[in-house]
Amino acid sequence: MERRHHLDDLRASSGEARQCCAPPAPSTKGKVVAVVQPHRYTRLQSLFDQFATCFNDADAVIVADVYPAGEQKDRGVDRDHLVGAIKAQWPSAAAIGLRRRSVAAMIREIVTPGDYVASLARAISRNGLCAAGAA
């Protein structure tokens, strides 16, 4: 079953984060950093354009490797394709592709007090943000 509503959740999460960091919120200078790990190559392939455009409210997007859930990487899309598409949508935003185990270090490197990190992947939420000291 394809879960198209999850793309709406991604879009809403970065939009809500933007509202939290916008005036007159306490943190008027905060960046919105979205951290995502696409789930399944077939899902990323069938919803690729929607994935590439659902982070418009983020200042930076960290894209981890696709969680394959048993699928083989033979669909013609992967983390790097998604990063390229996000950069093409809005070149001013930072889009970074990383192996999942490198996500925590990148969060520590780019996030400063007042920033908002929206983790949009279960494995990263449980492991990466805790390791980054953000949870």
N, C-alpha and C. Protein backbone atom coordinates (compact mmCIF):
# COMPACT_ATOMS: atom_id res chain seq x y z
N MET A 1 0.84 -1.18 0.00
CA MET A 1 0.00 0.00 0.00
C MET A 1 0.89 1.24 0.00
N GLU A 2 0.66 2.13 -0.94
CA GLU A 2 1.39 3.38 -0.98
C GLU A 2 0.71 4.37 -0.04
N ARG A 3 1.49 5.08 0.70
CA ARG A 3 0.93 6.01 1.69
C ARG A 3 1.19 7.44 1.26
N ARG A 4 0.44 7.92 0.33
CA ARG A 4 0.62 9.27 -0.19
C ARG A 4 0.43 10.33 0.88
N HIS A 5 -0.38 10.05 1.89
CA HIS A 5 -0.61 11.05 2.93
C HIS A 5 0.66 11.34 3.71
N HIS A 6 1.63 10.44 3.68
CA HIS A 6 2.89 10.70 4.39
C HIS A 6 3.62 11.89 3.78
N LEU A 7 3.49 12.10 2.48
CA LEU A 7 4.08 13.28 1.85
C LEU A 7 3.45 14.55 2.39
N ASP A 8 2.16 14.52 2.63
CA ASP A 8 1.50 15.68 3.24
C ASP A 8 2.04 15.90 4.65
N ASP A 9 2.33 14.82 5.36
CA ASP A 9 2.92 14.94 6.70
C ASP A 9 4.29 15.59 6.63
N LEU A 10 5.09 15.20 5.62
CA LEU A 10 6.42 15.81 5.46
C LEU A 10 6.28 17.30 5.18
N ARG A 11 5.41 17.63 4.26
CA ARG A 11 5.19 19.03 3.89
C ARG A 11 4.70 19.83 5.09
N ALA A 12 3.77 19.27 5.84
CA ALA A 12 3.22 19.96 7.00
C ALA A 12 4.26 20.13 8.09
N SER A 13 5.10 19.13 8.30
CA SER A 13 6.11 19.22 9.36
C SER A 13 7.08 20.36 9.12
N SER A 14 7.57 20.49 7.89
CA SER A 14 8.51 21.59 7.64
C SER A 14 7.79 22.93 7.66
N GLY A 15 6.51 22.96 7.24
CA GLY A 15 5.74 24.20 7.31
C GLY A 15 5.48 24.64 8.74
N GLU A 16 5.13 23.69 9.59
CA GLU A 16 4.91 24.00 11.00
C GLU A 16 6.20 24.45 11.66
N ALA A 17 7.30 23.81 11.30
CA ALA A 17 8.60 24.22 11.84
C ALA A 17 8.92 25.65 11.42
N ARG A 18 8.62 26.00 10.19
CA ARG A 18 8.86 27.36 9.70
C ARG A 18 8.06 28.36 10.53
N GLN A 19 6.81 28.02 10.85
CA GLN A 19 5.99 28.92 11.66
C GLN A 19 6.57 29.10 13.05
N CYS A 20 7.16 28.03 13.60
CA CYS A 20 7.78 28.13 14.93
C CYS A 20 9.00 29.04 14.93
N CYS A 21 9.68 29.10 13.81
CA CYS A 21 10.91 29.90 13.72
C CYS A 21 10.68 31.28 13.12
N ALA A 22 9.46 31.59 12.76
CA ALA A 22 9.18 32.89 12.14
C ALA A 22 8.73 33.90 13.20
N PRO A 23 8.98 35.18 12.96
CA PRO A 23 8.50 36.20 13.89
C PRO A 23 6.98 36.09 14.02
N PRO A 24 6.40 36.30 15.15
CA PRO A 24 7.00 36.77 16.39
C PRO A 24 7.39 35.64 17.34
N ALA A 25 7.69 34.47 16.83
CA ALA A 25 8.11 33.36 17.68
C ALA A 25 9.39 33.73 18.42
N PRO A 26 9.68 33.09 19.54
CA PRO A 26 10.86 33.43 20.33
C PRO A 26 12.16 33.34 19.53
N SER A 27 12.24 32.42 18.60
CA SER A 27 13.47 32.27 17.83
C SER A 27 13.25 32.81 16.43
N THR A 28 13.60 34.06 16.21
CA THR A 28 13.33 34.67 14.91
C THR A 28 14.42 34.41 13.90
N LYS A 29 15.56 33.90 14.33
CA LYS A 29 16.65 33.65 13.41
C LYS A 29 16.87 32.17 13.13
N GLY A 30 16.05 31.31 13.69
CA GLY A 30 16.28 29.88 13.59
C GLY A 30 16.10 29.32 12.19
N LYS A 31 16.95 28.36 11.87
CA LYS A 31 16.82 27.62 10.61
C LYS A 31 15.90 26.43 10.84
N VAL A 32 15.25 26.01 9.78
CA VAL A 32 14.48 24.78 9.80
C VAL A 32 15.31 23.74 9.05
N VAL A 33 15.65 22.67 9.77
CA VAL A 33 16.44 21.58 9.19
C VAL A 33 15.56 20.34 9.17
N ALA A 34 15.27 19.84 7.99
CA ALA A 34 14.48 18.61 7.84
C ALA A 34 15.43 17.44 7.65
N VAL A 35 15.19 16.37 8.37
CA VAL A 35 15.98 15.15 8.25
C VAL A 35 15.03 14.06 7.81
N VAL A 36 15.32 13.43 6.67
CA VAL A 36 14.40 12.45 6.12
C VAL A 36 15.16 11.21 5.64
N GLN A 37 14.52 10.08 5.79
CA GLN A 37 15.03 8.82 5.24
C GLN A 37 13.88 8.19 4.46
N PRO A 38 13.92 8.28 3.13
CA PRO A 38 12.83 7.68 2.34
C PRO A 38 12.71 6.19 2.65
N HIS A 39 11.49 5.70 2.63
CA HIS A 39 11.19 4.30 2.94
C HIS A 39 10.79 3.58 1.66
N ARG A 40 11.61 2.67 1.21
CA ARG A 40 11.41 1.82 0.03
C ARG A 40 11.72 2.56 -1.28
N TYR A 41 12.46 1.88 -2.14
CA TYR A 41 12.81 2.43 -3.46
C TYR A 41 11.58 2.57 -4.34
N THR A 42 10.66 1.62 -4.29
CA THR A 42 9.47 1.70 -5.14
C THR A 42 8.63 2.92 -4.77
N ARG A 43 8.53 3.21 -3.50
CA ARG A 43 7.76 4.38 -3.05
C ARG A 43 8.44 5.67 -3.49
N LEU A 44 9.75 5.73 -3.31
CA LEU A 44 10.48 6.93 -3.74
C LEU A 44 10.34 7.13 -5.24
N GLN A 45 10.43 6.04 -6.00
CA GLN A 45 10.31 6.16 -7.45
C GLN A 45 8.91 6.64 -7.86
N SER A 46 7.87 6.05 -7.29
CA SER A 46 6.52 6.40 -7.73
C SER A 46 6.09 7.80 -7.26
N LEU A 47 6.69 8.30 -6.20
CA LEU A 47 6.32 9.61 -5.67
C LEU A 47 7.49 10.60 -5.71
N PHE A 48 8.41 10.37 -6.62
CA PHE A 48 9.66 11.14 -6.64
C PHE A 48 9.43 12.65 -6.72
N ASP A 49 8.62 13.10 -7.64
CA ASP A 49 8.39 14.54 -7.80
C ASP A 49 7.79 15.17 -6.54
N GLN A 50 6.89 14.45 -5.91
CA GLN A 50 6.30 14.96 -4.68
C GLN A 50 7.34 15.04 -3.56
N PHE A 51 8.19 14.02 -3.45
CA PHE A 51 9.26 14.06 -2.45
C PHE A 51 10.17 15.26 -2.69
N ALA A 52 10.49 15.51 -3.94
CA ALA A 52 11.44 16.58 -4.27
C ALA A 52 10.89 17.96 -3.96
N THR A 53 9.58 18.10 -3.86
CA THR A 53 9.00 19.43 -3.65
C THR A 53 8.36 19.61 -2.28
N CYS A 54 8.44 18.65 -1.39
CA CYS A 54 7.71 18.79 -0.13
C CYS A 54 8.54 19.41 1.00
N PHE A 55 9.74 19.87 0.70
CA PHE A 55 10.59 20.48 1.74
C PHE A 55 10.81 21.97 1.51
N ASN A 56 9.89 22.61 0.81
CA ASN A 56 10.07 24.02 0.44
C ASN A 56 10.20 24.96 1.63
N ASP A 57 9.70 24.57 2.79
CA ASP A 57 9.79 25.44 3.97
C ASP A 57 11.06 25.23 4.78
N ALA A 58 11.89 24.28 4.39
CA ALA A 58 13.12 24.01 5.13
C ALA A 58 14.28 24.81 4.57
N ASP A 59 15.20 25.20 5.47
CA ASP A 59 16.43 25.87 5.04
C ASP A 59 17.48 24.86 4.64
N ALA A 60 17.41 23.69 5.25
CA ALA A 60 18.35 22.61 4.93
C ALA A 60 17.60 21.29 5.02
N VAL A 61 17.98 20.37 4.15
CA VAL A 61 17.39 19.03 4.15
C VAL A 61 18.53 18.02 4.17
N ILE A 62 18.51 17.16 5.17
CA ILE A 62 19.47 16.06 5.25
C ILE A 62 18.73 14.81 4.83
N VAL A 63 19.19 14.18 3.75
CA VAL A 63 18.55 12.99 3.22
C VAL A 63 19.46 11.79 3.49
N ALA A 64 18.95 10.85 4.27
CA ALA A 64 19.69 9.62 4.56
C ALA A 64 19.42 8.60 3.46
N ASP A 65 20.23 7.55 3.45
CA ASP A 65 20.01 6.47 2.49
C ASP A 65 18.58 5.95 2.57
N VAL A 66 18.07 5.51 1.45
CA VAL A 66 16.73 4.93 1.40
C VAL A 66 16.71 3.68 2.28
N TYR A 67 15.68 3.57 3.11
CA TYR A 67 15.49 2.34 3.88
C TYR A 67 14.83 1.34 2.94
N PRO A 68 15.53 0.27 2.56
CA PRO A 68 15.03 -0.59 1.49
C PRO A 68 13.87 -1.50 1.87
N ALA A 69 13.71 -1.83 3.13
CA ALA A 69 12.64 -2.73 3.57
C ALA A 69 12.59 -3.99 2.71
N GLY A 70 13.74 -4.55 2.44
CA GLY A 70 13.82 -5.78 1.67
C GLY A 70 13.94 -5.61 0.17
N GLU A 71 13.79 -4.41 -0.33
CA GLU A 71 13.91 -4.18 -1.78
C GLU A 71 15.36 -4.06 -2.20
N GLN A 72 15.63 -4.42 -3.44
CA GLN A 72 16.95 -4.23 -4.02
C GLN A 72 17.02 -2.84 -4.64
N LYS A 73 18.23 -2.27 -4.63
CA LYS A 73 18.42 -0.94 -5.22
C LYS A 73 18.57 -1.09 -6.73
N ASP A 74 17.44 -1.12 -7.42
CA ASP A 74 17.47 -1.25 -8.88
C ASP A 74 16.35 -0.45 -9.52
N ARG A 75 15.90 0.56 -8.86
CA ARG A 75 14.75 1.34 -9.31
C ARG A 75 15.13 2.60 -10.07
N GLY A 76 16.40 2.93 -10.15
CA GLY A 76 16.81 4.14 -10.85
C GLY A 76 16.74 5.40 -10.02
N VAL A 77 16.35 5.28 -8.75
CA VAL A 77 16.33 6.43 -7.85
C VAL A 77 16.97 6.02 -6.52
N ASP A 78 17.61 6.99 -5.91
CA ASP A 78 18.21 6.75 -4.60
C ASP A 78 18.35 8.09 -3.89
N ARG A 79 19.05 8.07 -2.77
CA ARG A 79 19.26 9.28 -1.97
C ARG A 79 19.85 10.40 -2.81
N ASP A 80 20.88 10.11 -3.59
CA ASP A 80 21.56 11.16 -4.36
C ASP A 80 20.67 11.76 -5.43
N HIS A 81 19.82 10.95 -6.06
CA HIS A 81 18.86 11.49 -7.03
C HIS A 81 17.89 12.45 -6.35
N LEU A 82 17.44 12.08 -5.15
CA LEU A 82 16.52 12.95 -4.42
C LEU A 82 17.19 14.25 -4.02
N VAL A 83 18.42 14.18 -3.54
CA VAL A 83 19.16 15.40 -3.17
C VAL A 83 19.28 16.32 -4.38
N GLY A 84 19.63 15.76 -5.53
CA GLY A 84 19.75 16.56 -6.75
C GLY A 84 18.44 17.22 -7.13
N ALA A 85 17.34 16.51 -6.99
CA ALA A 85 16.03 17.06 -7.32
C ALA A 85 15.62 18.16 -6.35
N ILE A 86 15.93 17.98 -5.07
CA ILE A 86 15.63 19.02 -4.07
C ILE A 86 16.43 20.28 -4.39
N LYS A 87 17.70 20.12 -4.70
CA LYS A 87 18.54 21.28 -5.05
C LYS A 87 18.03 21.98 -6.30
N ALA A 88 17.52 21.22 -7.26
CA ALA A 88 17.00 21.81 -8.49
C ALA A 88 15.73 22.62 -8.20
N GLN A 89 14.93 22.19 -7.23
CA GLN A 89 13.69 22.90 -6.89
C GLN A 89 13.98 24.25 -6.26
N TRP A 90 14.94 24.28 -5.34
CA TRP A 90 15.36 25.55 -4.75
C TRP A 90 16.82 25.52 -4.39
N PRO A 91 17.61 26.13 -5.27
CA PRO A 91 19.06 26.12 -5.11
C PRO A 91 19.56 26.83 -3.84
N SER A 92 18.76 27.72 -3.26
CA SER A 92 19.23 28.45 -2.07
C SER A 92 19.24 27.59 -0.82
N ALA A 93 18.47 26.51 -0.81
CA ALA A 93 18.44 25.64 0.37
C ALA A 93 19.57 24.62 0.28
N ALA A 94 20.07 24.23 1.43
CA ALA A 94 21.11 23.21 1.47
C ALA A 94 20.45 21.85 1.49
N ALA A 95 20.84 20.99 0.58
CA ALA A 95 20.36 19.60 0.57
C ALA A 95 21.59 18.71 0.60
N ILE A 96 21.63 17.82 1.57
CA ILE A 96 22.81 17.02 1.82
C ILE A 96 22.40 15.55 1.87
N GLY A 97 23.11 14.71 1.16
CA GLY A 97 22.86 13.27 1.22
C GLY A 97 23.93 12.60 2.05
N LEU A 98 23.49 11.78 3.01
CA LEU A 98 24.43 11.13 3.92
C LEU A 98 24.01 9.70 4.20
N ARG A 99 24.99 8.89 4.59
CA ARG A 99 24.68 7.58 5.13
C ARG A 99 24.02 7.82 6.49
N ARG A 100 23.12 6.95 6.87
CA ARG A 100 22.34 7.15 8.10
C ARG A 100 23.23 7.36 9.31
N ARG A 101 24.33 6.63 9.38
CA ARG A 101 25.18 6.75 10.58
C ARG A 101 25.91 8.09 10.65
N SER A 102 25.90 8.88 9.59
CA SER A 102 26.55 10.19 9.57
C SER A 102 25.60 11.35 9.88
N VAL A 103 24.33 11.06 10.00
CA VAL A 103 23.33 12.10 10.18
C VAL A 103 23.54 12.86 11.49
N ALA A 104 23.77 12.15 12.58
CA ALA A 104 23.93 12.82 13.88
C ALA A 104 25.07 13.81 13.87
N ALA A 105 26.19 13.44 13.27
CA ALA A 105 27.35 14.34 13.20
C ALA A 105 27.01 15.59 12.39
N MET A 106 26.27 15.42 11.30
CA MET A 106 25.90 16.57 10.48
C MET A 106 24.95 17.49 11.23
N ILE A 107 24.02 16.92 11.98
CA ILE A 107 23.11 17.75 12.78
C ILE A 107 23.92 18.58 13.77
N ARG A 108 24.86 17.94 14.45
CA ARG A 108 25.69 18.68 15.42
C ARG A 108 26.48 19.79 14.73
N GLU A 109 26.88 19.55 13.49
CA GLU A 109 27.69 20.54 12.76
C GLU A 109 26.89 21.75 12.30
N ILE A 110 25.66 21.55 11.84
CA ILE A 110 24.95 22.67 11.21
C ILE A 110 23.89 23.33 12.09
N VAL A 111 23.45 22.65 13.14
CA VAL A 111 22.37 23.19 13.96
C VAL A 111 22.94 24.04 15.09
N THR A 112 22.34 25.21 15.28
CA THR A 112 22.74 26.12 16.35
C THR A 112 21.53 26.40 17.24
N PRO A 113 21.73 26.96 18.43
CA PRO A 113 20.59 27.27 19.29
C PRO A 113 19.56 28.14 18.56
N GLY A 114 18.30 27.78 18.72
CA GLY A 114 17.22 28.49 18.05
C GLY A 114 16.77 27.82 16.77
N ASP A 115 17.52 26.86 16.26
CA ASP A 115 17.12 26.13 15.06
C ASP A 115 16.08 25.07 15.42
N TYR A 116 15.35 24.64 14.42
CA TYR A 116 14.32 23.63 14.60
C TYR A 116 14.65 22.45 13.71
N VAL A 117 14.81 21.26 14.29
CA VAL A 117 15.11 20.04 13.52
C VAL A 117 13.84 19.21 13.45
N ALA A 118 13.38 18.95 12.25
CA ALA A 118 12.22 18.09 12.03
C ALA A 118 12.71 16.76 11.49
N SER A 119 12.74 15.74 12.34
CA SER A 119 13.17 14.42 11.92
C SER A 119 11.98 13.67 11.37
N LEU A 120 12.07 13.29 10.12
CA LEU A 120 10.95 12.69 9.42
C LEU A 120 11.26 11.25 9.03
N ALA A 121 11.94 10.56 9.94
CA ALA A 121 12.28 9.16 9.71
C ALA A 121 12.39 8.46 11.05
N ARG A 122 11.74 7.35 11.19
CA ARG A 122 11.66 6.67 12.48
C ARG A 122 13.03 6.26 13.00
N ALA A 123 13.84 5.60 12.19
CA ALA A 123 15.14 5.12 12.66
C ALA A 123 16.05 6.28 13.03
N ILE A 124 15.97 7.36 12.28
CA ILE A 124 16.80 8.52 12.60
C ILE A 124 16.29 9.18 13.86
N SER A 125 14.99 9.25 14.02
CA SER A 125 14.43 9.86 15.24
C SER A 125 14.90 9.11 16.47
N ARG A 126 14.88 7.80 16.42
CA ARG A 126 15.26 7.01 17.58
C ARG A 126 16.76 7.05 17.83
N ASN A 127 17.56 6.98 16.78
CA ASN A 127 18.99 6.83 16.95
C ASN A 127 19.78 8.11 16.66
N GLY A 128 19.51 8.72 15.54
CA GLY A 128 20.32 9.86 15.11
C GLY A 128 20.17 11.09 15.96
N LEU A 129 18.95 11.47 16.31
CA LEU A 129 18.77 12.67 17.09
C LEU A 129 19.26 12.49 18.51
N CYS A 130 19.09 11.31 19.06
CA CYS A 130 19.62 11.06 20.40
C CYS A 130 21.14 11.17 20.38
N ALA A 131 21.77 10.62 19.36
CA ALA A 131 23.23 10.70 19.26
C ALA A 131 23.69 12.13 19.02
N ALA A 132 22.83 12.94 18.39
CA ALA A 132 23.20 14.33 18.11
C ALA A 132 22.97 15.21 19.32
N GLY A 133 22.31 14.67 20.33
CA GLY A 133 22.01 15.47 21.50
C GLY A 133 20.81 16.35 21.31
N ALA A 134 20.02 16.08 20.28
CA ALA A 134 18.87 16.92 19.97
C ALA A 134 17.57 16.36 20.51
N ALA A 135 17.59 15.17 21.06
CA ALA A 135 16.34 14.58 21.52
C ALA A 135 16.23 14.68 23.02
